[in-house]
All heavy atoms as atom14 arrays in JSON, in Angstrom:
{
  "sequence": "LALLGALRAQDGVPVQTDFQQDKLTGRWYSIGLASNSNWFKEKKHL",
  "atom14_mask": [
    [1, 1, 1, 1, 1, 1, 1, 1, 0, 0, 0, 0, 0, 0],
    [1, 1, 1, 1, 1, 0, 0, 0, 0, 0, 0, 0, 0, 0],
    [1, 1, 1, 1, 1, 1, 1, 1, 0, 0, 0, 0, 0, 0],
    [1, 1, 1, 1, 1, 1, 1, 1, 0, 0, 0, 0, 0, 0],
    [1, 1, 1, 1, 0, 0, 0, 0, 0, 0, 0, 0, 0, 0],
    [1, 1, 1, 1, 1, 0, 0, 0, 0, 0, 0, 0, 0, 0],
    [1, 1, 1, 1, 1, 1, 1, 1, 0, 0, 0, 0, 0, 0],
    [1, 1, 1, 1, 1, 1, 1, 1, 1, 1, 1, 0, 0, 0],
    [1, 1, 1, 1, 1, 0, 0, 0, 0, 0, 0, 0, 0, 0],
    [1, 1, 1, 1, 1, 1, 1, 1, 1, 0, 0, 0, 0, 0],
    [1, 1, 1, 1, 1, 1, 1, 1, 0, 0, 0, 0, 0, 0],
    [1, 1, 1, 1, 0, 0, 0, 0, 0, 0, 0, 0, 0, 0],
    [1, 1, 1, 1, 1, 1, 1, 0, 0, 0, 0, 0, 0, 0],
    [1, 1, 1, 1, 1, 1, 1, 0, 0, 0, 0, 0, 0, 0],
    [1, 1, 1, 1, 1, 1, 1, 0, 0, 0, 0, 0, 0, 0],
    [1, 1, 1, 1, 1, 1, 1, 1, 1, 0, 0, 0, 0, 0],
    [1, 1, 1, 1, 1, 1, 1, 0, 0, 0, 0, 0, 0, 0],
    [1, 1, 1, 1, 1, 1, 1, 1, 0, 0, 0, 0, 0, 0],
    [1, 1, 1, 1, 1, 1, 1, 1, 1, 1, 1, 0, 0, 0],
    [1, 1, 1, 1, 1, 1, 1, 1, 1, 0, 0, 0, 0, 0],
    [1, 1, 1, 1, 1, 1, 1, 1, 1, 0, 0, 0, 0, 0],
    [1, 1, 1, 1, 1, 1, 1, 1, 0, 0, 0, 0, 0, 0],
    [1, 1, 1, 1, 1, 1, 1, 1, 1, 0, 0, 0, 0, 0],
    [1, 1, 1, 1, 1, 1, 1, 1, 0, 0, 0, 0, 0, 0],
    [1, 1, 1, 1, 1, 1, 1, 0, 0, 0, 0, 0, 0, 0],
    [1, 1, 1, 1, 0, 0, 0, 0, 0, 0, 0, 0, 0, 0],
    [1, 1, 1, 1, 1, 1, 1, 1, 1, 1, 1, 0, 0, 0],
    [1, 1, 1, 1, 1, 1, 1, 1, 1, 1, 1, 1, 1, 1],
    [1, 1, 1, 1, 1, 1, 1, 1, 1, 1, 1, 1, 0, 0],
    [1, 1, 1, 1, 1, 1, 0, 0, 0, 0, 0, 0, 0, 0],
    [1, 1, 1, 1, 1, 1, 1, 1, 0, 0, 0, 0, 0, 0],
    [1, 1, 1, 1, 0, 0, 0, 0, 0, 0, 0, 0, 0, 0],
    [1, 1, 1, 1, 1, 1, 1, 1, 0, 0, 0, 0, 0, 0],
    [1, 1, 1, 1, 1, 0, 0, 0, 0, 0, 0, 0, 0, 0],
    [1, 1, 1, 1, 1, 1, 0, 0, 0, 0, 0, 0, 0, 0],
    [1, 1, 1, 1, 1, 1, 1, 1, 0, 0, 0, 0, 0, 0],
    [1, 1, 1, 1, 1, 1, 0, 0, 0, 0, 0, 0, 0, 0],
    [1, 1, 1, 1, 1, 1, 1, 1, 0, 0, 0, 0, 0, 0],
    [1, 1, 1, 1, 1, 1, 1, 1, 1, 1, 1, 1, 1, 1],
    [1, 1, 1, 1, 1, 1, 1, 1, 1, 1, 1, 0, 0, 0],
    [1, 1, 1, 1, 1, 1, 1, 1, 1, 0, 0, 0, 0, 0],
    [1, 1, 1, 1, 1, 1, 1, 1, 1, 0, 0, 0, 0, 0],
    [1, 1, 1, 1, 1, 1, 1, 1, 1, 0, 0, 0, 0, 0],
    [1, 1, 1, 1, 1, 1, 1, 1, 1, 0, 0, 0, 0, 0],
    [1, 1, 1, 1, 1, 1, 1, 1, 1, 1, 0, 0, 0, 0],
    [1, 1, 1, 1, 1, 1, 1, 1, 0, 0, 0, 0, 0, 0]
  ],
  "atom14_positions": [
    [[-93.66, -94.65, 22.26], [-93.24, -93.35, 22.7], [-91.71, -93.23, 22.44], [-91.23, -92.16, 22.04], [-93.49, -93.16, 24.12], [-94.98, -92.92, 24.51], [-95.17, -92.91, 25.99], [-95.51, -91.65, 23.9], [0.0, 0.0, 0.0], [0.0, 0.0, 0.0], [0.0, 0.0, 0.0], [0.0, 0.0, 0.0], [0.0, 0.0, 0.0], [0.0, 0.0, 0.0]],
    [[-90.97, -94.25, 22.62], [-89.51, -94.2, 22.4], [-89.24, -93.99, 20.94], [-88.39, -93.16, 20.57], [-88.87, -95.49, 22.89], [0.0, 0.0, 0.0], [0.0, 0.0, 0.0], [0.0, 0.0, 0.0], [0.0, 0.0, 0.0], [0.0, 0.0, 0.0], [0.0, 0.0, 0.0], [0.0, 0.0, 0.0], [0.0, 0.0, 0.0], [0.0, 0.0, 0.0]],
    [[-89.99, -94.65, 20.09], [-89.8, -94.46, 18.56], [-90.12, -93.0, 18.24], [-89.41, -92.38, 17.42], [-90.66, -95.52, 17.89], [-90.57, -95.35, 16.34], [-89.13, -95.55, 15.84], [-91.49, -96.36, 15.73], [0.0, 0.0, 0.0], [0.0, 0.0, 0.0], [0.0, 0.0, 0.0], [0.0, 0.0, 0.0], [0.0, 0.0, 0.0], [0.0, 0.0, 0.0]],
    [[-91.26, -92.53, 18.75], [-91.63, -91.13, 18.46], [-90.52, -90.15, 18.92], [-90.2, -89.26, 18.27], [-92.93, -90.76, 19.18], [-93.53, -89.4, 18.91], [-93.87, -89.24, 17.47], [-94.81, -89.19, 19.71], [0.0, 0.0, 0.0], [0.0, 0.0, 0.0], [0.0, 0.0, 0.0], [0.0, 0.0, 0.0], [0.0, 0.0, 0.0], [0.0, 0.0, 0.0]],
    [[-90.03, -90.38, 20.11], [-88.93, -89.52, 20.63], [-87.72, -89.59, 19.7], [-87.04, -88.55, 19.44], [0.0, 0.0, 0.0], [0.0, 0.0, 0.0], [0.0, 0.0, 0.0], [0.0, 0.0, 0.0], [0.0, 0.0, 0.0], [0.0, 0.0, 0.0], [0.0, 0.0, 0.0], [0.0, 0.0, 0.0], [0.0, 0.0, 0.0], [0.0, 0.0, 0.0]],
    [[-87.42, -90.74, 19.2], [-86.21, -90.97, 18.41], [-86.43, -90.29, 17.02], [-85.55, -89.58, 16.45], [-85.95, -92.46, 18.11], [0.0, 0.0, 0.0], [0.0, 0.0, 0.0], [0.0, 0.0, 0.0], [0.0, 0.0, 0.0], [0.0, 0.0, 0.0], [0.0, 0.0, 0.0], [0.0, 0.0, 0.0], [0.0, 0.0, 0.0], [0.0, 0.0, 0.0]],
    [[-87.65, -90.29, 16.53], [-88.03, -89.61, 15.28], [-87.88, -88.2, 15.4], [-87.28, -87.47, 14.54], [-89.35, -90.07, 14.71], [-89.53, -91.43, 14.2], [-90.96, -91.71, 13.92], [-88.62, -91.65, 13.05], [0.0, 0.0, 0.0], [0.0, 0.0, 0.0], [0.0, 0.0, 0.0], [0.0, 0.0, 0.0], [0.0, 0.0, 0.0], [0.0, 0.0, 0.0]],
    [[-88.35, -87.61, 16.49], [-88.25, -86.17, 16.72], [-86.83, -85.73, 16.87], [-86.43, -84.67, 16.45], [-89.09, -85.72, 17.9], [-90.63, -85.85, 17.65], [-91.38, -85.26, 18.78], [-92.76, -85.27, 18.41], [-93.63, -84.54, 18.88], [-93.42, -83.66, 19.82], [-94.92, -84.61, 18.6], [0.0, 0.0, 0.0], [0.0, 0.0, 0.0], [0.0, 0.0, 0.0]],
    [[-86.04, -86.49, 17.59], [-84.63, -86.16, 17.81], [-83.83, -86.2, 16.53], [-82.77, -85.55, 16.38], [-84.05, -87.11, 18.83], [0.0, 0.0, 0.0], [0.0, 0.0, 0.0], [0.0, 0.0, 0.0], [0.0, 0.0, 0.0], [0.0, 0.0, 0.0], [0.0, 0.0, 0.0], [0.0, 0.0, 0.0], [0.0, 0.0, 0.0], [0.0, 0.0, 0.0]],
    [[-84.36, -86.91, 15.57], [-83.59, -87.14, 14.27], [-84.15, -86.3, 13.15], [-83.89, -86.5, 12.0], [-83.62, -88.63, 13.87], [-82.88, -89.49, 14.77], [-83.02, -91.0, 14.37], [-83.85, -91.31, 13.62], [-82.15, -91.82, 15.0], [0.0, 0.0, 0.0], [0.0, 0.0, 0.0], [0.0, 0.0, 0.0], [0.0, 0.0, 0.0], [0.0, 0.0, 0.0]],
    [[-84.95, -85.24, 13.48], [-85.68, -84.53, 12.37], [-84.63, -83.61, 11.67], [-84.97, -83.04, 10.66], [-86.77, -83.77, 12.88], [-86.43, -82.64, 13.87], [-85.25, -82.47, 14.16], [-87.36, -81.93, 14.39], [0.0, 0.0, 0.0], [0.0, 0.0, 0.0], [0.0, 0.0, 0.0], [0.0, 0.0, 0.0], [0.0, 0.0, 0.0], [0.0, 0.0, 0.0]],
    [[-83.32, -83.65, 12.05], [-82.35, -83.11, 11.23], [-82.11, -81.65, 11.29], [-81.21, -81.16, 10.54], [0.0, 0.0, 0.0], [0.0, 0.0, 0.0], [0.0, 0.0, 0.0], [0.0, 0.0, 0.0], [0.0, 0.0, 0.0], [0.0, 0.0, 0.0], [0.0, 0.0, 0.0], [0.0, 0.0, 0.0], [0.0, 0.0, 0.0], [0.0, 0.0, 0.0]],
    [[-82.89, -80.87, 11.95], [-82.68, -79.41, 12.06], [-82.21, -79.01, 13.41], [-82.94, -79.09, 14.42], [-84.04, -78.66, 11.69], [-83.8, -77.16, 11.74], [-84.65, -79.15, 10.37], [0.0, 0.0, 0.0], [0.0, 0.0, 0.0], [0.0, 0.0, 0.0], [0.0, 0.0, 0.0], [0.0, 0.0, 0.0], [0.0, 0.0, 0.0], [0.0, 0.0, 0.0]],
    [[-80.89, -78.69, 13.47], [-80.33, -78.3, 14.78], [-80.74, -76.92, 15.21], [-81.34, -76.18, 14.45], [-78.79, -78.34, 14.44], [-78.8, -77.93, 12.95], [-79.97, -78.56, 12.32], [0.0, 0.0, 0.0], [0.0, 0.0, 0.0], [0.0, 0.0, 0.0], [0.0, 0.0, 0.0], [0.0, 0.0, 0.0], [0.0, 0.0, 0.0], [0.0, 0.0, 0.0]],
    [[-80.43, -76.65, 16.47], [-80.72, -75.3, 17.03], [-79.38, -74.79, 17.55], [-78.57, -75.6, 18.06], [-81.73, -75.41, 18.23], [-81.94, -74.03, 18.88], [-83.09, -75.88, 17.7], [0.0, 0.0, 0.0], [0.0, 0.0, 0.0], [0.0, 0.0, 0.0], [0.0, 0.0, 0.0], [0.0, 0.0, 0.0], [0.0, 0.0, 0.0], [0.0, 0.0, 0.0]],
    [[-79.17, -73.5, 17.35], [-77.92, -72.89, 17.82], [-77.55, -73.27, 19.26], [-78.37, -73.18, 20.18], [-78.11, -71.31, 17.78], [-76.98, -70.49, 18.4], [-75.8, -70.4, 17.46], [-75.91, -70.49, 16.25], [-74.67, -70.29, 18.1], [0.0, 0.0, 0.0], [0.0, 0.0, 0.0], [0.0, 0.0, 0.0], [0.0, 0.0, 0.0], [0.0, 0.0, 0.0]],
    [[-76.28, -73.76, 19.43], [-75.84, -74.09, 20.74], [-75.68, -72.85, 21.58], [-75.27, -71.78, 21.06], [-74.44, -74.78, 20.59], [-74.5, -75.82, 19.64], [-73.83, -75.28, 21.88], [0.0, 0.0, 0.0], [0.0, 0.0, 0.0], [0.0, 0.0, 0.0], [0.0, 0.0, 0.0], [0.0, 0.0, 0.0], [0.0, 0.0, 0.0], [0.0, 0.0, 0.0]],
    [[-76.02, -72.97, 22.85], [-75.86, -71.8, 23.81], [-76.65, -70.55, 23.26], [-76.11, -69.46, 23.28], [-74.44, -71.45, 24.08], [-73.76, -72.66, 24.76], [-74.42, -73.37, 25.56], [-72.6, -72.8, 24.47], [0.0, 0.0, 0.0], [0.0, 0.0, 0.0], [0.0, 0.0, 0.0], [0.0, 0.0, 0.0], [0.0, 0.0, 0.0], [0.0, 0.0, 0.0]],
    [[-77.86, -70.75, 22.71], [-78.66, -69.69, 22.12], [-78.8, -68.53, 23.19], [-79.29, -68.84, 24.26], [-79.99, -70.18, 21.63], [-80.88, -69.12, 21.13], [-80.62, -68.54, 19.84], [-81.98, -68.7, 21.74], [-81.35, -67.54, 19.32], [-82.79, -67.68, 21.24], [-82.52, -67.14, 19.98], [0.0, 0.0, 0.0], [0.0, 0.0, 0.0], [0.0, 0.0, 0.0]],
    [[-78.57, -67.26, 22.69], [-78.74, -66.13, 23.63], [-79.74, -65.19, 22.92], [-79.38, -64.42, 22.03], [-77.41, -65.4, 23.78], [-76.43, -66.35, 24.49], [-75.06, -65.75, 24.52], [-74.9, -64.55, 24.84], [-74.05, -66.59, 24.24], [0.0, 0.0, 0.0], [0.0, 0.0, 0.0], [0.0, 0.0, 0.0], [0.0, 0.0, 0.0], [0.0, 0.0, 0.0]],
    [[-81.03, -65.35, 23.38], [-82.11, -64.59, 22.76], [-81.85, -63.08, 22.7], [-82.27, -62.45, 21.67], [-83.39, -64.94, 23.39], [-84.6, -64.31, 22.82], [-85.92, -64.91, 23.34], [-86.08, -66.16, 23.3], [-86.79, -64.07, 23.8], [0.0, 0.0, 0.0], [0.0, 0.0, 0.0], [0.0, 0.0, 0.0], [0.0, 0.0, 0.0], [0.0, 0.0, 0.0]],
    [[-81.38, -62.49, 23.76], [-81.24, -61.03, 23.82], [-80.23, -60.51, 22.69], [-80.42, -59.45, 22.19], [-80.67, -60.61, 25.12], [-79.37, -61.29, 25.55], [-79.17, -62.44, 25.35], [-78.53, -60.53, 26.03], [0.0, 0.0, 0.0], [0.0, 0.0, 0.0], [0.0, 0.0, 0.0], [0.0, 0.0, 0.0], [0.0, 0.0, 0.0], [0.0, 0.0, 0.0]],
    [[-79.29, -61.39, 22.26], [-78.4, -60.99, 21.18], [-79.01, -61.04, 19.83], [-78.55, -60.5, 18.84], [-77.06, -61.77, 21.24], [-76.28, -61.58, 22.42], [-74.99, -62.33, 22.35], [-74.05, -61.93, 23.46], [-72.73, -62.73, 23.23], [0.0, 0.0, 0.0], [0.0, 0.0, 0.0], [0.0, 0.0, 0.0], [0.0, 0.0, 0.0], [0.0, 0.0, 0.0]],
    [[-80.14, -61.75, 19.65], [-80.83, -61.93, 18.42], [-81.69, -60.68, 18.06], [-82.03, -60.39, 16.95], [-81.69, -63.19, 18.35], [-82.23, -63.52, 16.99], [-81.04, -64.02, 16.1], [-83.27, -64.66, 17.11], [0.0, 0.0, 0.0], [0.0, 0.0, 0.0], [0.0, 0.0, 0.0], [0.0, 0.0, 0.0], [0.0, 0.0, 0.0], [0.0, 0.0, 0.0]],
    [[-82.01, -59.88, 19.14], [-82.94, -58.81, 18.87], [-82.27, -57.69, 18.05], [-81.01, -57.6, 18.03], [-83.41, -58.18, 20.24], [-82.29, -57.77, 20.97], [-84.17, -59.24, 21.03], [0.0, 0.0, 0.0], [0.0, 0.0, 0.0], [0.0, 0.0, 0.0], [0.0, 0.0, 0.0], [0.0, 0.0, 0.0], [0.0, 0.0, 0.0], [0.0, 0.0, 0.0]],
    [[-83.13, -56.77, 17.51], [-82.6, -55.71, 16.68], [-83.07, -55.82, 15.26], [-83.86, -56.64, 14.93], [0.0, 0.0, 0.0], [0.0, 0.0, 0.0], [0.0, 0.0, 0.0], [0.0, 0.0, 0.0], [0.0, 0.0, 0.0], [0.0, 0.0, 0.0], [0.0, 0.0, 0.0], [0.0, 0.0, 0.0], [0.0, 0.0, 0.0], [0.0, 0.0, 0.0]],
    [[-82.32, -54.99, 14.41], [-82.72, -54.93, 12.99], [-81.87, -55.95, 12.18], [-80.7, -56.04, 12.37], [-82.39, -53.57, 12.43], [-82.68, -53.4, 10.95], [-82.19, -52.04, 10.43], [-82.95, -50.97, 11.0], [-83.98, -50.39, 10.44], [-84.4, -50.82, 9.22], [-84.69, -49.44, 11.0], [0.0, 0.0, 0.0], [0.0, 0.0, 0.0], [0.0, 0.0, 0.0]],
    [[-82.58, -56.62, 11.31], [-81.94, -57.56, 10.33], [-82.49, -57.26, 8.88], [-83.58, -56.76, 8.74], [-82.33, -59.04, 10.76], [-81.81, -59.46, 12.02], [-82.37, -59.48, 13.26], [-80.53, -60.11, 12.19], [-81.61, -60.05, 14.18], [-80.48, -60.51, 13.6], [-79.48, -60.46, 11.39], [-79.34, -61.09, 14.14], [-78.34, -61.11, 11.94], [-78.31, -61.45, 13.32]],
    [[-81.74, -57.72, 8.0], [-82.17, -57.63, 6.59], [-82.32, -59.14, 6.14], [-81.44, -59.96, 6.33], [-81.23, -56.97, 5.62], [-81.05, -55.5, 6.01], [-80.04, -55.06, 6.84], [-81.98, -54.58, 5.44], [-79.87, -53.75, 7.15], [-81.79, -53.26, 5.81], [-80.82, -52.83, 6.61], [-80.69, -51.5, 6.92], [0.0, 0.0, 0.0], [0.0, 0.0, 0.0]],
    [[-83.43, -59.37, 5.41], [-83.63, -60.67, 4.82], [-82.81, -60.78, 3.56], [-83.2, -60.11, 2.57], [-85.12, -60.96, 4.52], [-85.88, -60.95, 5.73], [0.0, 0.0, 0.0], [0.0, 0.0, 0.0], [0.0, 0.0, 0.0], [0.0, 0.0, 0.0], [0.0, 0.0, 0.0], [0.0, 0.0, 0.0], [0.0, 0.0, 0.0], [0.0, 0.0, 0.0]],
    [[-81.78, -61.58, 3.51], [-80.87, -61.64, 2.41], [-81.23, -62.83, 1.54], [-81.15, -62.77, 0.34], [-79.39, -61.82, 2.94], [-79.01, -60.65, 3.75], [-78.43, -62.05, 1.82], [-78.75, -59.35, 2.95], [0.0, 0.0, 0.0], [0.0, 0.0, 0.0], [0.0, 0.0, 0.0], [0.0, 0.0, 0.0], [0.0, 0.0, 0.0], [0.0, 0.0, 0.0]],
    [[-81.63, -63.91, 2.18], [-81.97, -65.17, 1.46], [-83.21, -65.77, 1.88], [-83.56, -65.69, 3.05], [0.0, 0.0, 0.0], [0.0, 0.0, 0.0], [0.0, 0.0, 0.0], [0.0, 0.0, 0.0], [0.0, 0.0, 0.0], [0.0, 0.0, 0.0], [0.0, 0.0, 0.0], [0.0, 0.0, 0.0], [0.0, 0.0, 0.0], [0.0, 0.0, 0.0]],
    [[-83.93, -66.42, 0.97], [-85.16, -67.12, 1.28], [-85.22, -68.39, 0.4], [-85.02, -68.29, -0.8], [-86.37, -66.24, 1.03], [-87.78, -66.81, 1.29], [-87.96, -67.22, 2.72], [-88.82, -65.78, 0.87], [0.0, 0.0, 0.0], [0.0, 0.0, 0.0], [0.0, 0.0, 0.0], [0.0, 0.0, 0.0], [0.0, 0.0, 0.0], [0.0, 0.0, 0.0]],
    [[-85.53, -69.47, 1.03], [-85.67, -70.74, 0.25], [-86.94, -71.39, 0.79], [-87.19, -71.44, 2.07], [-84.46, -71.62, 0.54], [0.0, 0.0, 0.0], [0.0, 0.0, 0.0], [0.0, 0.0, 0.0], [0.0, 0.0, 0.0], [0.0, 0.0, 0.0], [0.0, 0.0, 0.0], [0.0, 0.0, 0.0], [0.0, 0.0, 0.0], [0.0, 0.0, 0.0]],
    [[-87.76, -71.98, -0.08], [-89.0, -72.65, 0.3], [-89.52, -73.54, -0.8], [-89.28, -73.26, -1.9], [-90.05, -71.61, 0.73], [-91.22, -72.22, 1.08], [0.0, 0.0, 0.0], [0.0, 0.0, 0.0], [0.0, 0.0, 0.0], [0.0, 0.0, 0.0], [0.0, 0.0, 0.0], [0.0, 0.0, 0.0], [0.0, 0.0, 0.0], [0.0, 0.0, 0.0]],
    [[-90.14, -74.57, -0.38], [-90.81, -75.46, -1.33], [-92.37, -75.25, -1.22], [-93.06, -76.1, -1.7], [-90.45, -76.95, -1.1], [-90.76, -77.35, 0.34], [-91.37, -76.65, 1.17], [-90.38, -78.6, 0.65], [0.0, 0.0, 0.0], [0.0, 0.0, 0.0], [0.0, 0.0, 0.0], [0.0, 0.0, 0.0], [0.0, 0.0, 0.0], [0.0, 0.0, 0.0]],
    [[-92.83, -74.14, -0.75], [-94.27, -73.87, -0.6], [-94.78, -73.31, -1.95], [-93.97, -72.73, -2.8], [-94.49, -72.9, 0.48], [-93.98, -71.63, 0.17], [0.0, 0.0, 0.0], [0.0, 0.0, 0.0], [0.0, 0.0, 0.0], [0.0, 0.0, 0.0], [0.0, 0.0, 0.0], [0.0, 0.0, 0.0], [0.0, 0.0, 0.0], [0.0, 0.0, 0.0]],
    [[-96.04, -73.48, -2.16], [-96.66, -73.03, -3.42], [-96.62, -71.47, -3.5], [-96.36, -70.91, -4.56], [-98.06, -73.45, -3.59], [-98.17, -74.93, -3.84], [-97.28, -75.47, -4.4], [-99.17, -75.55, -3.39], [0.0, 0.0, 0.0], [0.0, 0.0, 0.0], [0.0, 0.0, 0.0], [0.0, 0.0, 0.0], [0.0, 0.0, 0.0], [0.0, 0.0, 0.0]],
    [[-96.88, -70.75, -2.36], [-96.8, -69.21, -2.4], [-95.44, -68.77, -2.82], [-95.4, -67.75, -3.53], [-97.32, -68.62, -1.17], [-96.34, -68.87, 0.08], [-96.42, -69.81, 1.02], [-95.16, -68.05, 0.33], [-95.36, -69.64, 1.95], [-94.52, -68.62, 1.53], [-94.59, -67.03, -0.29], [-93.44, -68.09, 2.1], [-93.33, -66.48, 0.3], [-92.79, -67.06, 1.43]],
    [[-94.35, -69.42, -2.4], [-93.02, -68.98, -2.78], [-92.82, -69.12, -4.29], [-92.31, -68.29, -4.92], [-91.95, -69.81, -1.99], [-90.59, -69.41, -2.33], [-90.02, -68.29, -1.87], [-89.84, -70.25, -3.11], [-88.68, -67.91, -2.15], [-88.51, -69.98, -3.43], [-87.93, -68.79, -2.99], [0.0, 0.0, 0.0], [0.0, 0.0, 0.0], [0.0, 0.0, 0.0]],
    [[-93.27, -70.36, -4.84], [-93.13, -70.55, -6.27], [-93.87, -69.5, -7.08], [-93.38, -69.02, -8.09], [-93.62, -71.98, -6.64], [-92.66, -73.04, -6.08], [-93.29, -74.47, -6.2], [-92.44, -75.42, -5.41], [-93.09, -76.78, -5.29], [0.0, 0.0, 0.0], [0.0, 0.0, 0.0], [0.0, 0.0, 0.0], [0.0, 0.0, 0.0], [0.0, 0.0, 0.0]],
    [[-95.02, -69.09, -6.58], [-95.82, -68.16, -7.3], [-95.3, -66.75, -7.12], [-95.42, -65.87, -8.03], [-97.3, -68.16, -6.77], [-98.0, -69.49, -7.07], [-99.28, -69.66, -6.29], [-99.74, -68.64, -5.63], [-99.88, -70.71, -6.33], [0.0, 0.0, 0.0], [0.0, 0.0, 0.0], [0.0, 0.0, 0.0], [0.0, 0.0, 0.0], [0.0, 0.0, 0.0]],
    [[-94.76, -66.37, -6.05], [-94.29, -64.93, -5.74], [-92.83, -64.71, -5.84], [-92.35, -63.62, -5.68], [-94.78, -64.55, -4.32], [-96.21, -64.75, -4.1], [-97.12, -63.67, -4.7], [-98.54, -63.81, -4.33], [-99.38, -62.96, -5.01], [0.0, 0.0, 0.0], [0.0, 0.0, 0.0], [0.0, 0.0, 0.0], [0.0, 0.0, 0.0], [0.0, 0.0, 0.0]],
    [[-92.04, -65.77, -6.12], [-90.58, -65.66, -6.1], [-90.1, -64.52, -6.93], [-89.18, -63.79, -6.52], [-90.0, -67.04, -6.55], [-88.59, -67.1, -6.6], [-88.14, -68.51, -7.07], [-86.68, -68.54, -7.43], [-86.25, -69.83, -7.91], [0.0, 0.0, 0.0], [0.0, 0.0, 0.0], [0.0, 0.0, 0.0], [0.0, 0.0, 0.0], [0.0, 0.0, 0.0]],
    [[-90.58, -64.37, -8.15], [-90.14, -63.35, -9.06], [-90.37, -61.92, -8.58], [-89.79, -60.99, -9.04], [-90.68, -63.56, -10.46], [-92.23, -63.42, -10.49], [-93.06, -64.21, -9.92], [-92.97, -62.35, -10.99], [-94.29, -63.81, -10.18], [-94.27, -62.62, -10.8], [0.0, 0.0, 0.0], [0.0, 0.0, 0.0], [0.0, 0.0, 0.0], [0.0, 0.0, 0.0]],
    [[-91.29, -61.77, -7.62], [-91.64, -60.45, -7.11], [-90.9, -60.1, -5.81], [-90.9, -58.89, -5.39], [-93.06, -60.36, -6.75], [-94.07, -60.63, -7.95], [-95.54, -60.75, -7.43], [-93.95, -59.49, -8.92], [0.0, 0.0, 0.0], [0.0, 0.0, 0.0], [0.0, 0.0, 0.0], [0.0, 0.0, 0.0], [0.0, 0.0, 0.0], [0.0, 0.0, 0.0]]
  ]
}
């Protein structure tokens, strides 16, 4: 269990410090997209 916890803690993807969900709401534009999925490779040009 300790090893599993250490692996999860080290998965390398941080989360915004002091995240404020109410400030995230509203309209956004998707400016960039990156992915190693097959659908992305197939549809990237579109």
